[in-house]
Amino acid sequence: MATKLKIKKGDTVVVITGRDKGKTGEVFEVMPSENRVKVRGVNIVKRHTRATQMQAGGIVEKEAPIHVSNVAHIDPKTKEPTRVGFKFLADGRKVRFAKRSGEAIDV
């Protein structure tokens, strides 16, 4: 069963463990059923592809999915890794906020 992820498409994240530790990038695809995300410029793999009518063959570099537990959200205020929480604003909207600084992520 898919769980609700606290990371969304368009968020800036940093890799906290693994081969690409320390790299930052923007999330461009979220796979909640697999608890994985694709981050631009992180976890680059090479695939040998056959030529088709649409594209030429050769070695193609692309981003592979990375587990959501291996990335951390970037705090918008301090630019450091942070955990994400939820809170309700005065107008009743539910927003994500950075636990490190208390800054709202969704505005």
PDB file of N, CA and C in Angstrom:
ATOM      1  N   MET A   1       0.840  -1.186   0.000  1.00  0.00           N
ATOM      2  CA  MET A   1       0.000   0.000   0.000  1.00  0.00           C
ATOM      3  C   MET A   1       0.883   1.246   0.000  1.00  0.00           C
ATOM      4  N   ALA A   2       0.510   2.227  -0.785  1.00  0.00           N
ATOM      5  CA  ALA A   2       1.290   3.453  -0.898  1.00  0.00           C
ATOM      6  C   ALA A   2       1.050   4.338   0.321  1.00  0.00           C
ATOM      7  N   THR A   3       2.137   4.954   0.781  1.00  0.00           N
ATOM      8  CA  THR A   3       2.021   5.879   1.894  1.00  0.00           C
ATOM      9  C   THR A   3       2.071   7.304   1.370  1.00  0.00           C
ATOM     10  N   LYS A   4       1.581   8.235   2.176  1.00  0.00           N
ATOM     11  CA  LYS A   4       1.609   9.638   1.781  1.00  0.00           C
ATOM     12  C   LYS A   4       3.024  10.157   1.982  1.00  0.00           C
ATOM     13  N   LEU A   5       3.626  10.671   0.921  1.00  0.00           N
ATOM     14  CA  LEU A   5       4.979  11.187   0.993  1.00  0.00           C
ATOM     15  C   LEU A   5       4.959  12.670   1.342  1.00  0.00           C
ATOM     16  N   LYS A   6       5.993  13.114   2.034  1.00  0.00           N
ATOM     17  CA  LYS A   6       6.099  14.526   2.399  1.00  0.00           C
ATOM     18  C   LYS A   6       6.912  15.306   1.369  1.00  0.00           C
ATOM     19  N   ILE A   7       7.387  14.623   0.343  1.00  0.00           N
ATOM     20  CA  ILE A   7       8.150  15.267  -0.723  1.00  0.00           C
ATOM     21  C   ILE A   7       7.298  15.265  -1.982  1.00  0.00           C
ATOM     22  N   LYS A   8       7.241  16.417  -2.640  1.00  0.00           N
ATOM     23  CA  LYS A   8       6.417  16.571  -3.837  1.00  0.00           C
ATOM     24  C   LYS A   8       7.277  16.960  -5.026  1.00  0.00           C
ATOM     25  N   LYS A   9       6.682  16.867  -6.199  1.00  0.00           N
ATOM     26  CA  LYS A   9       7.345  17.287  -7.423  1.00  0.00           C
ATOM     27  C   LYS A   9       7.666  18.781  -7.331  1.00  0.00           C
ATOM     28  N   GLY A  10       8.889  19.144  -7.706  1.00  0.00           N
ATOM     29  CA  GLY A  10       9.305  20.535  -7.657  1.00  0.00           C
ATOM     30  C   GLY A  10      10.062  20.920  -6.395  1.00  0.00           C
ATOM     31  N   ASP A  11      10.087  20.049  -5.384  1.00  0.00           N
ATOM     32  CA  ASP A  11      10.820  20.333  -4.151  1.00  0.00           C
ATOM     33  C   ASP A  11      12.324  20.209  -4.384  1.00  0.00           C
ATOM     34  N   THR A  12      13.091  20.972  -3.626  1.00  0.00           N
ATOM     35  CA  THR A  12      14.541  20.855  -3.648  1.00  0.00           C
ATOM     36  C   THR A  12      14.964  19.970  -2.491  1.00  0.00           C
ATOM     37  N   VAL A  13      15.725  18.924  -2.815  1.00  0.00           N
ATOM     38  CA  VAL A  13      16.136  17.958  -1.796  1.00  0.00           C
ATOM     39  C   VAL A  13      17.644  17.742  -1.864  1.00  0.00           C
ATOM     40  N   VAL A  14      18.197  17.178  -0.792  1.00  0.00           N
ATOM     41  CA  VAL A  14      19.604  16.800  -0.730  1.00  0.00           C
ATOM     42  C   VAL A  14      19.667  15.308  -0.424  1.00  0.00           C
ATOM     43  N   VAL A  15      20.618  14.616  -1.051  1.00  0.00           N
ATOM     44  CA  VAL A  15      20.805  13.185  -0.801  1.00  0.00           C
ATOM     45  C   VAL A  15      21.615  13.047   0.481  1.00  0.00           C
ATOM     46  N   ILE A  16      21.120  12.251   1.434  1.00  0.00           N
ATOM     47  CA  ILE A  16      21.767  12.152   2.740  1.00  0.00           C
ATOM     48  C   ILE A  16      22.569  10.871   2.917  1.00  0.00           C
ATOM     49  N   THR A  17      22.454   9.929   1.986  1.00  0.00           N
ATOM     50  CA  THR A  17      23.242   8.709   2.085  1.00  0.00           C
ATOM     51  C   THR A  17      23.388   8.089   0.704  1.00  0.00           C
ATOM     52  N   GLY A  18      24.425   7.293   0.549  1.00  0.00           N
ATOM     53  CA  GLY A  18      24.627   6.598  -0.711  1.00  0.00           C
ATOM     54  C   GLY A  18      25.726   7.221  -1.558  1.00  0.00           C
ATOM     55  N   ARG A  19      25.814   6.770  -2.783  1.00  0.00           N
ATOM     56  CA  ARG A  19      26.875   7.173  -3.706  1.00  0.00           C
ATOM     57  C   ARG A  19      26.855   8.673  -3.993  1.00  0.00           C
ATOM     58  N   ASP A  20      25.675   9.269  -4.036  1.00  0.00           N
ATOM     59  CA  ASP A  20      25.534  10.684  -4.374  1.00  0.00           C
ATOM     60  C   ASP A  20      25.304  11.557  -3.143  1.00  0.00           C
ATOM     61  N   LYS A  21      25.809  11.139  -1.999  1.00  0.00           N
ATOM     62  CA  LYS A  21      25.602  11.884  -0.755  1.00  0.00           C
ATOM     63  C   LYS A  21      26.095  13.316  -0.895  1.00  0.00           C
ATOM     64  N   GLY A  22      25.232  14.259  -0.462  1.00  0.00           N
ATOM     65  CA  GLY A  22      25.587  15.665  -0.502  1.00  0.00           C
ATOM     66  C   GLY A  22      25.092  16.409  -1.728  1.00  0.00           C
ATOM     67  N   LYS A  23      24.699  15.693  -2.766  1.00  0.00           N
ATOM     68  CA  LYS A  23      24.208  16.352  -3.979  1.00  0.00           C
ATOM     69  C   LYS A  23      22.788  16.857  -3.755  1.00  0.00           C
ATOM     70  N   THR A  24      22.491  18.001  -4.353  1.00  0.00           N
ATOM     71  CA  THR A  24      21.146  18.550  -4.267  1.00  0.00           C
ATOM     72  C   THR A  24      20.544  18.594  -5.662  1.00  0.00           C
ATOM     73  N   GLY A  25      19.227  18.609  -5.709  1.00  0.00           N
ATOM     74  CA  GLY A  25      18.535  18.682  -6.979  1.00  0.00           C
ATOM     75  C   GLY A  25      17.044  18.837  -6.777  1.00  0.00           C
ATOM     76  N   GLU A  26      16.361  19.020  -7.887  1.00  0.00           N
ATOM     77  CA  GLU A  26      14.914  19.202  -7.866  1.00  0.00           C
ATOM     78  C   GLU A  26      14.224  17.871  -8.175  1.00  0.00           C
ATOM     79  N   VAL A  27      13.194  17.567  -7.426  1.00  0.00           N
ATOM     80  CA  VAL A  27      12.410  16.355  -7.658  1.00  0.00           C
ATOM     81  C   VAL A  27      11.548  16.582  -8.901  1.00  0.00           C
ATOM     82  N   PHE A  28      11.680  15.692  -9.901  1.00  0.00           N
ATOM     83  CA  PHE A  28      10.868  15.847 -11.102  1.00  0.00           C
ATOM     84  C   PHE A  28       9.888  14.707 -11.316  1.00  0.00           C
ATOM     85  N   GLU A  29       9.971  13.690 -10.480  1.00  0.00           N
ATOM     86  CA  GLU A  29       8.977  12.611 -10.546  1.00  0.00           C
ATOM     87  C   GLU A  29       8.876  11.953  -9.179  1.00  0.00           C
ATOM     88  N   VAL A  30       7.649  11.672  -8.755  1.00  0.00           N
ATOM     89  CA  VAL A  30       7.395  11.021  -7.473  1.00  0.00           C
ATOM     90  C   VAL A  30       6.628   9.734  -7.743  1.00  0.00           C
ATOM     91  N   MET A  31       7.083   8.639  -7.122  1.00  0.00           N
ATOM     92  CA  MET A  31       6.431   7.340  -7.271  1.00  0.00           C
ATOM     93  C   MET A  31       5.967   6.867  -5.898  1.00  0.00           C
ATOM     94  N   PRO A  32       4.794   7.336  -5.439  1.00  0.00           N
ATOM     95  CA  PRO A  32       4.361   6.993  -4.080  1.00  0.00           C
ATOM     96  C   PRO A  32       4.102   5.504  -3.869  1.00  0.00           C
ATOM     97  N   SER A  33       3.750   4.776  -4.925  1.00  0.00           N
ATOM     98  CA  SER A  33       3.486   3.347  -4.749  1.00  0.00           C
ATOM     99  C   SER A  33       4.763   2.577  -4.437  1.00  0.00           C
ATOM    100  N   GLU A  34       5.921   3.121  -4.852  1.00  0.00           N
ATOM    101  CA  GLU A  34       7.198   2.461  -4.613  1.00  0.00           C
ATOM    102  C   GLU A  34       8.052   3.194  -3.580  1.00  0.00           C
ATOM    103  N   ASN A  35       7.543   4.298  -3.014  1.00  0.00           N
ATOM    104  CA  ASN A  35       8.279   5.135  -2.062  1.00  0.00           C
ATOM    105  C   ASN A  35       9.599   5.624  -2.652  1.00  0.00           C
ATOM    106  N   ARG A  36       9.576   6.028  -3.909  1.00  0.00           N
ATOM    107  CA  ARG A  36      10.784   6.477  -4.592  1.00  0.00           C
ATOM    108  C   ARG A  36      10.532   7.806  -5.296  1.00  0.00           C
ATOM    109  N   VAL A  37      11.622   8.546  -5.497  1.00  0.00           N
ATOM    110  CA  VAL A  37      11.566   9.816  -6.219  1.00  0.00           C
ATOM    111  C   VAL A  37      12.716   9.852  -7.224  1.00  0.00           C
ATOM    112  N   LYS A  38      12.547  10.661  -8.276  1.00  0.00           N
ATOM    113  CA  LYS A  38      13.629  10.917  -9.226  1.00  0.00           C
ATOM    114  C   LYS A  38      14.052  12.363  -9.036  1.00  0.00           C
ATOM    115  N   VAL A  39      15.364  12.555  -8.858  1.00  0.00           N
ATOM    116  CA  VAL A  39      15.920  13.878  -8.603  1.00  0.00           C
ATOM    117  C   VAL A  39      16.845  14.240  -9.764  1.00  0.00           C
ATOM    118  N   ARG A  40      16.673  15.448 -10.285  1.00  0.00           N
ATOM    119  CA  ARG A  40      17.461  15.896 -11.430  1.00  0.00           C
ATOM    120  C   ARG A  40      18.943  15.977 -11.071  1.00  0.00           C
ATOM    121  N   GLY A  41      19.783  15.259 -11.841  1.00  0.00           N
ATOM    122  CA  GLY A  41      21.230  15.274 -11.643  1.00  0.00           C
ATOM    123  C   GLY A  41      21.749  14.333 -10.583  1.00  0.00           C
ATOM    124  N   VAL A  42      20.889  13.488 -10.027  1.00  0.00           N
ATOM    125  CA  VAL A  42      21.289  12.573  -8.954  1.00  0.00           C
ATOM    126  C   VAL A  42      20.992  11.140  -9.376  1.00  0.00           C
ATOM    127  N   ASN A  43      21.874  10.217  -8.994  1.00  0.00           N
ATOM    128  CA  ASN A  43      21.726   8.787  -9.287  1.00  0.00           C
ATOM    129  C   ASN A  43      21.664   8.545 -10.791  1.00  0.00           C
ATOM    130  N   ILE A  44      22.647   9.068 -11.507  1.00  0.00           N
ATOM    131  CA  ILE A  44      22.723   8.925 -12.959  1.00  0.00           C
ATOM    132  C   ILE A  44      23.195   7.513 -13.294  1.00  0.00           C
ATOM    133  N   VAL A  45      22.476   6.843 -14.190  1.00  0.00           N
ATOM    134  CA  VAL A  45      22.844   5.513 -14.665  1.00  0.00           C
ATOM    135  C   VAL A  45      22.939   5.545 -16.181  1.00  0.00           C
ATOM    136  N   LYS A  46      23.696   4.603 -16.740  1.00  0.00           N
ATOM    137  CA  LYS A  46      23.839   4.510 -18.185  1.00  0.00           C
ATOM    138  C   LYS A  46      23.031   3.319 -18.683  1.00  0.00           C
ATOM    139  N   ARG A  47      22.268   3.537 -19.738  1.00  0.00           N
ATOM    140  CA  ARG A  47      21.464   2.477 -20.331  1.00  0.00           C
ATOM    141  C   ARG A  47      21.849   2.344 -21.802  1.00  0.00           C
ATOM    142  N   HIS A  48      22.089   1.120 -22.235  1.00  0.00           N
ATOM    143  CA  HIS A  48      22.380   0.867 -23.631  1.00  0.00           C
ATOM    144  C   HIS A  48      21.051   0.664 -24.344  1.00  0.00           C
ATOM    145  N   THR A  49      20.729   1.560 -25.256  1.00  0.00           N
ATOM    146  CA  THR A  49      19.431   1.501 -25.909  1.00  0.00           C
ATOM    147  C   THR A  49      19.579   1.166 -27.385  1.00  0.00           C
ATOM    148  N   ARG A  50      18.618   0.457 -27.891  1.00  0.00           N
ATOM    149  CA  ARG A  50      18.574   0.110 -29.307  1.00  0.00           C
ATOM    150  C   ARG A  50      17.935   1.260 -30.074  1.00  0.00           C
ATOM    151  N   ALA A  51      18.356   1.459 -31.301  1.00  0.00           N
ATOM    152  CA  ALA A  51      17.800   2.532 -32.119  1.00  0.00           C
ATOM    153  C   ALA A  51      16.357   2.214 -32.490  1.00  0.00           C
ATOM    154  N   THR A  52      15.509   3.243 -32.429  1.00  0.00           N
ATOM    155  CA  THR A  52      14.122   3.122 -32.854  1.00  0.00           C
ATOM    156  C   THR A  52      13.859   4.201 -33.894  1.00  0.00           C
ATOM    157  N   GLN A  53      12.619   4.261 -34.391  1.00  0.00           N
ATOM    158  CA  GLN A  53      12.274   5.301 -35.351  1.00  0.00           C
ATOM    159  C   GLN A  53      12.285   6.677 -34.693  1.00  0.00           C
ATOM    160  N   MET A  54      12.062   6.718 -33.409  1.00  0.00           N
ATOM    161  CA  MET A  54      11.980   7.993 -32.707  1.00  0.00           C
ATOM    162  C   MET A  54      13.348   8.511 -32.258  1.00  0.00           C
ATOM    163  N   GLN A  55      14.251   7.631 -31.844  1.00  0.00           N
ATOM    164  CA  GLN A  55      15.525   8.080 -31.305  1.00  0.00           C
ATOM    165  C   GLN A  55      16.665   7.188 -31.771  1.00  0.00           C
ATOM    166  N   ALA A  56      17.862   7.757 -31.756  1.00  0.00           N
ATOM    167  CA  ALA A  56      19.043   7.005 -32.139  1.00  0.00           C
ATOM    168  C   ALA A  56      19.471   6.101 -30.987  1.00  0.00           C
ATOM    169  N   GLY A  57      20.150   5.029 -31.314  1.00  0.00           N
ATOM    170  CA  GLY A  57      20.637   4.120 -30.298  1.00  0.00           C
ATOM    171  C   GLY A  57      21.922   4.624 -29.691  1.00  0.00           C
ATOM    172  N   GLY A  58      22.395   3.944 -28.676  1.00  0.00           N
ATOM    173  CA  GLY A  58      23.648   4.320 -28.032  1.00  0.00           C
ATOM    174  C   GLY A  58      23.520   4.229 -26.530  1.00  0.00           C
ATOM    175  N   ILE A  59      24.478   4.838 -25.854  1.00  0.00           N
ATOM    176  CA  ILE A  59      24.486   4.833 -24.396  1.00  0.00           C
ATOM    177  C   ILE A  59      23.812   6.108 -23.925  1.00  0.00           C
ATOM    178  N   VAL A  60      22.727   5.948 -23.190  1.00  0.00           N
ATOM    179  CA  VAL A  60      21.932   7.075 -22.711  1.00  0.00           C
ATOM    180  C   VAL A  60      22.100   7.183 -21.205  1.00  0.00           C
ATOM    181  N   GLU A  61      22.392   8.389 -20.720  1.00  0.00           N
ATOM    182  CA  GLU A  61      22.469   8.626 -19.281  1.00  0.00           C
ATOM    183  C   GLU A  61      21.151   9.220 -18.815  1.00  0.00           C
ATOM    184  N   LYS A  62      20.606   8.652 -17.729  1.00  0.00           N
ATOM    185  CA  LYS A  62      19.353   9.172 -17.184  1.00  0.00           C
ATOM    186  C   LYS A  62      19.328   8.953 -15.680  1.00  0.00           C
ATOM    187  N   GLU A  63      18.394   9.649 -15.038  1.00  0.00           N
ATOM    188  CA  GLU A  63      18.265   9.550 -13.592  1.00  0.00           C
ATOM    189  C   GLU A  63      17.459   8.302 -13.229  1.00  0.00           C
ATOM    190  N   ALA A  64      17.955   7.561 -12.247  1.00  0.00           N
ATOM    191  CA  ALA A  64      17.232   6.407 -11.732  1.00  0.00           C
ATOM    192  C   ALA A  64      16.528   6.815 -10.440  1.00  0.00           C
ATOM    193  N   PRO A  65      15.465   6.109 -10.068  1.00  0.00           N
ATOM    194  CA  PRO A  65      14.762   6.447  -8.827  1.00  0.00           C
ATOM    195  C   PRO A  65      15.642   6.208  -7.600  1.00  0.00           C
ATOM    196  N   ILE A  66      15.411   7.010  -6.573  1.00  0.00           N
ATOM    197  CA  ILE A  66      16.121   6.872  -5.302  1.00  0.00           C
ATOM    198  C   ILE A  66      15.061   6.787  -4.202  1.00  0.00           C
ATOM    199  N   HIS A  67      15.326   5.997  -3.186  1.00  0.00           N
ATOM    200  CA  HIS A  67      14.338   5.810  -2.129  1.00  0.00           C
ATOM    201  C   HIS A  67      14.129   7.115  -1.375  1.00  0.00           C
ATOM    202  N   VAL A  68      12.885   7.362  -0.993  1.00  0.00           N
ATOM    203  CA  VAL A  68      12.522   8.634  -0.359  1.00  0.00           C
ATOM    204  C   VAL A  68      13.203   8.805   1.003  1.00  0.00           C
ATOM    205  N   SER A  69      13.599   7.721   1.642  1.00  0.00           N
ATOM    206  CA  SER A  69      14.279   7.830   2.934  1.00  0.00           C
ATOM    207  C   SER A  69      15.722   8.292   2.779  1.00  0.00           C
ATOM    208  N   ASN A  70      16.246   8.276   1.567  1.00  0.00           N
ATOM    209  CA  ASN A  70      17.631   8.685   1.331  1.00  0.00           C
ATOM    210  C   ASN A  70      17.755  10.148   0.930  1.00  0.00           C
ATOM    211  N   VAL A  71      16.656  10.879   0.920  1.00  0.00           N
ATOM    212  CA  VAL A  71      16.700  12.304   0.604  1.00  0.00           C
ATOM    213  C   VAL A  71      16.054  13.089   1.737  1.00  0.00           C
ATOM    214  N   ALA A  72      16.498  14.341   1.896  1.00  0.00           N
ATOM    215  CA  ALA A  72      15.929  15.227   2.902  1.00  0.00           C
ATOM    216  C   ALA A  72      15.582  16.546   2.243  1.00  0.00           C
ATOM    217  N   HIS A  73      14.516  17.139   2.688  1.00  0.00           N
ATOM    218  CA  HIS A  73      14.066  18.412   2.153  1.00  0.00           C
ATOM    219  C   HIS A  73      15.042  19.510   2.551  1.00  0.00           C
ATOM    220  N   ILE A  74      15.227  20.501   1.681  1.00  0.00           N
ATOM    221  CA  ILE A  74      16.091  21.648   1.977  1.00  0.00           C
ATOM    222  C   ILE A  74      15.250  22.730   2.643  1.00  0.00           C
ATOM    223  N   ASP A  75      15.721  23.200   3.807  1.00  0.00           N
ATOM    224  CA  ASP A  75      15.036  24.273   4.529  1.00  0.00           C
ATOM    225  C   ASP A  75      15.097  25.554   3.690  1.00  0.00           C
ATOM    226  N   PRO A  76      13.952  26.197   3.415  1.00  0.00           N
ATOM    227  CA  PRO A  76      13.977  27.403   2.586  1.00  0.00           C
ATOM    228  C   PRO A  76      14.694  28.583   3.239  1.00  0.00           C
ATOM    229  N   LYS A  77      14.830  28.563   4.565  1.00  0.00           N
ATOM    230  CA  LYS A  77      15.452  29.685   5.274  1.00  0.00           C
ATOM    231  C   LYS A  77      16.952  29.476   5.464  1.00  0.00           C
ATOM    232  N   THR A  78      17.350  28.301   5.974  1.00  0.00           N
ATOM    233  CA  THR A  78      18.755  28.057   6.308  1.00  0.00           C
ATOM    234  C   THR A  78      19.504  27.274   5.232  1.00  0.00           C
ATOM    235  N   LYS A  79      18.801  26.750   4.233  1.00  0.00           N
ATOM    236  CA  LYS A  79      19.404  25.970   3.139  1.00  0.00           C
ATOM    237  C   LYS A  79      20.117  24.719   3.638  1.00  0.00           C
ATOM    238  N   GLU A  80      19.645  24.137   4.745  1.00  0.00           N
ATOM    239  CA  GLU A  80      20.195  22.906   5.293  1.00  0.00           C
ATOM    240  C   GLU A  80      19.124  21.823   5.278  1.00  0.00           C
ATOM    241  N   PRO A  81      19.517  20.540   5.367  1.00  0.00           N
ATOM    242  CA  PRO A  81      18.522  19.469   5.397  1.00  0.00           C
ATOM    243  C   PRO A  81      17.609  19.584   6.607  1.00  0.00           C
ATOM    244  N   THR A  82      16.342  19.285   6.410  1.00  0.00           N
ATOM    245  CA  THR A  82      15.374  19.379   7.502  1.00  0.00           C
ATOM    246  C   THR A  82      14.302  18.321   7.325  1.00  0.00           C
ATOM    247  N   ARG A  83      13.613  18.064   8.414  1.00  0.00           N
ATOM    248  CA  ARG A  83      12.442  17.199   8.348  1.00  0.00           C
ATOM    249  C   ARG A  83      11.231  18.076   8.043  1.00  0.00           C
ATOM    250  N   VAL A  84      10.156  17.426   7.621  1.00  0.00           N
ATOM    251  CA  VAL A  84       8.966  18.162   7.200  1.00  0.00           C
ATOM    252  C   VAL A  84       7.804  17.786   8.108  1.00  0.00           C
ATOM    253  N   GLY A  85       7.050  18.799   8.523  1.00  0.00           N
ATOM    254  CA  GLY A  85       5.857  18.582   9.320  1.00  0.00           C
ATOM    255  C   GLY A  85       4.670  19.278   8.679  1.00  0.00           C
ATOM    256  N   PHE A  86       3.499  19.070   9.229  1.00  0.00           N
ATOM    257  CA  PHE A  86       2.281  19.695   8.730  1.00  0.00           C
ATOM    258  C   PHE A  86       1.683  20.574   9.821  1.00  0.00           C
ATOM    259  N   LYS A  87       1.111  21.701   9.425  1.00  0.00           N
ATOM    260  CA  LYS A  87       0.377  22.540  10.364  1.00  0.00           C
ATOM    261  C   LYS A  87      -0.723  23.271   9.604  1.00  0.00           C
ATOM    262  N   PHE A  88      -1.688  23.787  10.368  1.00  0.00           N
ATOM    263  CA  PHE A  88      -2.802  24.518   9.781  1.00  0.00           C
ATOM    264  C   PHE A  88      -2.588  26.011   9.990  1.00  0.00           C
ATOM    265  N   LEU A  89      -2.807  26.783   8.932  1.00  0.00           N
ATOM    266  CA  LEU A  89      -2.691  28.236   9.027  1.00  0.00           C
ATOM    267  C   LEU A  89      -3.976  28.825   9.591  1.00  0.00           C
ATOM    268  N   ALA A  90      -3.958  30.118   9.848  1.00  0.00           N
ATOM    269  CA  ALA A  90      -5.123  30.795  10.421  1.00  0.00           C
ATOM    270  C   ALA A  90      -6.334  30.721   9.506  1.00  0.00           C
ATOM    271  N   ASP A  91      -6.102  30.692   8.188  1.00  0.00           N
ATOM    272  CA  ASP A  91      -7.228  30.621   7.251  1.00  0.00           C
ATOM    273  C   ASP A  91      -7.711  29.191   7.017  1.00  0.00           C
ATOM    274  N   GLY A  92      -7.132  28.210   7.719  1.00  0.00           N
ATOM    275  CA  GLY A  92      -7.606  26.834   7.646  1.00  0.00           C
ATOM    276  C   GLY A  92      -6.863  25.959   6.658  1.00  0.00           C
ATOM    277  N   ARG A  93      -5.882  26.513   5.937  1.00  0.00           N
ATOM    278  CA  ARG A  93      -5.126  25.705   4.978  1.00  0.00           C
ATOM    279  C   ARG A  93      -4.104  24.836   5.699  1.00  0.00           C
ATOM    280  N   LYS A  94      -3.913  23.623   5.189  1.00  0.00           N
ATOM    281  CA  LYS A  94      -2.906  22.717   5.724  1.00  0.00           C
ATOM    282  C   LYS A  94      -1.646  22.875   4.864  1.00  0.00           C
ATOM    283  N   VAL A  95      -0.526  23.213   5.493  1.00  0.00           N
ATOM    284  CA  VAL A  95       0.711  23.434   4.754  1.00  0.00           C
ATOM    285  C   VAL A  95       1.838  22.622   5.369  1.00  0.00           C
ATOM    286  N   ARG A  96       2.854  22.340   4.559  1.00  0.00           N
ATOM    287  CA  ARG A  96       4.066  21.704   5.055  1.00  0.00           C
ATOM    288  C   ARG A  96       4.992  22.783   5.603  1.00  0.00           C
ATOM    289  N   PHE A  97       5.752  22.446   6.654  1.00  0.00           N
ATOM    290  CA  PHE A  97       6.710  23.401   7.180  1.00  0.00           C
ATOM    291  C   PHE A  97       8.004  22.688   7.536  1.00  0.00           C
ATOM    292  N   ALA A  98       9.106  23.442   7.509  1.00  0.00           N
ATOM    293  CA  ALA A  98      10.415  22.912   7.851  1.00  0.00           C
ATOM    294  C   ALA A  98      10.554  22.898   9.363  1.00  0.00           C
ATOM    295  N   LYS A  99      10.868  21.744   9.921  1.00  0.00           N
ATOM    296  CA  LYS A  99      10.966  21.637  11.371  1.00  0.00           C
ATOM    297  C   LYS A  99      12.200  22.343  11.920  1.00  0.00           C
ATOM    298  N   ARG A 100      13.218  22.543  11.098  1.00  0.00           N
ATOM    299  CA  ARG A 100      14.446  23.194  11.559  1.00  0.00           C
ATOM    300  C   ARG A 100      14.215  24.674  11.856  1.00  0.00           C
ATOM    301  N   SER A 101      13.487  25.363  10.955  1.00  0.00           N
ATOM    302  CA  SER A 101      13.307  26.819  11.119  1.00  0.00           C
ATOM    303  C   SER A 101      11.865  27.212  11.371  1.00  0.00           C
ATOM    304  N   GLY A 102      10.917  26.321  11.134  1.00  0.00           N
ATOM    305  CA  GLY A 102       9.506  26.657  11.294  1.00  0.00           C
ATOM    306  C   GLY A 102       8.927  27.365  10.081  1.00  0.00           C
ATOM    307  N   GLU A 103       9.726  27.543   9.030  1.00  0.00           N
ATOM    308  CA  GLU A 103       9.304  28.240   7.816  1.00  0.00           C
ATOM    309  C   GLU A 103       8.336  27.367   7.018  1.00  0.00           C
ATOM    310  N   ALA A 104       7.270  27.957   6.494  1.00  0.00           N
ATOM    311  CA  ALA A 104       6.305  27.230   5.669  1.00  0.00           C
ATOM    312  C   ALA A 104       6.924  26.934   4.299  1.00  0.00           C
ATOM    313  N   ILE A 105       6.711  25.723   3.813  1.00  0.00           N
ATOM    314  CA  ILE A 105       7.233  25.326   2.503  1.00  0.00           C
ATOM    315  C   ILE A 105       6.214  25.637   1.424  1.00  0.00           C
ATOM    316  N   ASP A 106       4.969  25.285   1.648  1.00  0.00           N
ATOM    317  CA  ASP A 106       3.889  25.569   0.696  1.00  0.00           C
ATOM    318  C   ASP A 106       3.284  26.925   1.058  1.00  0.00           C
ATOM    319  N   VAL A 107       3.363  27.855   0.153  1.00  0.00           N
ATOM    320  CA  VAL A 107       2.753  29.166   0.449  1.00  0.00           C
ATOM    321  C   VAL A 107       1.806  29.555  -0.660  1.00  0.00           C
TER     322      VAL A 107
END
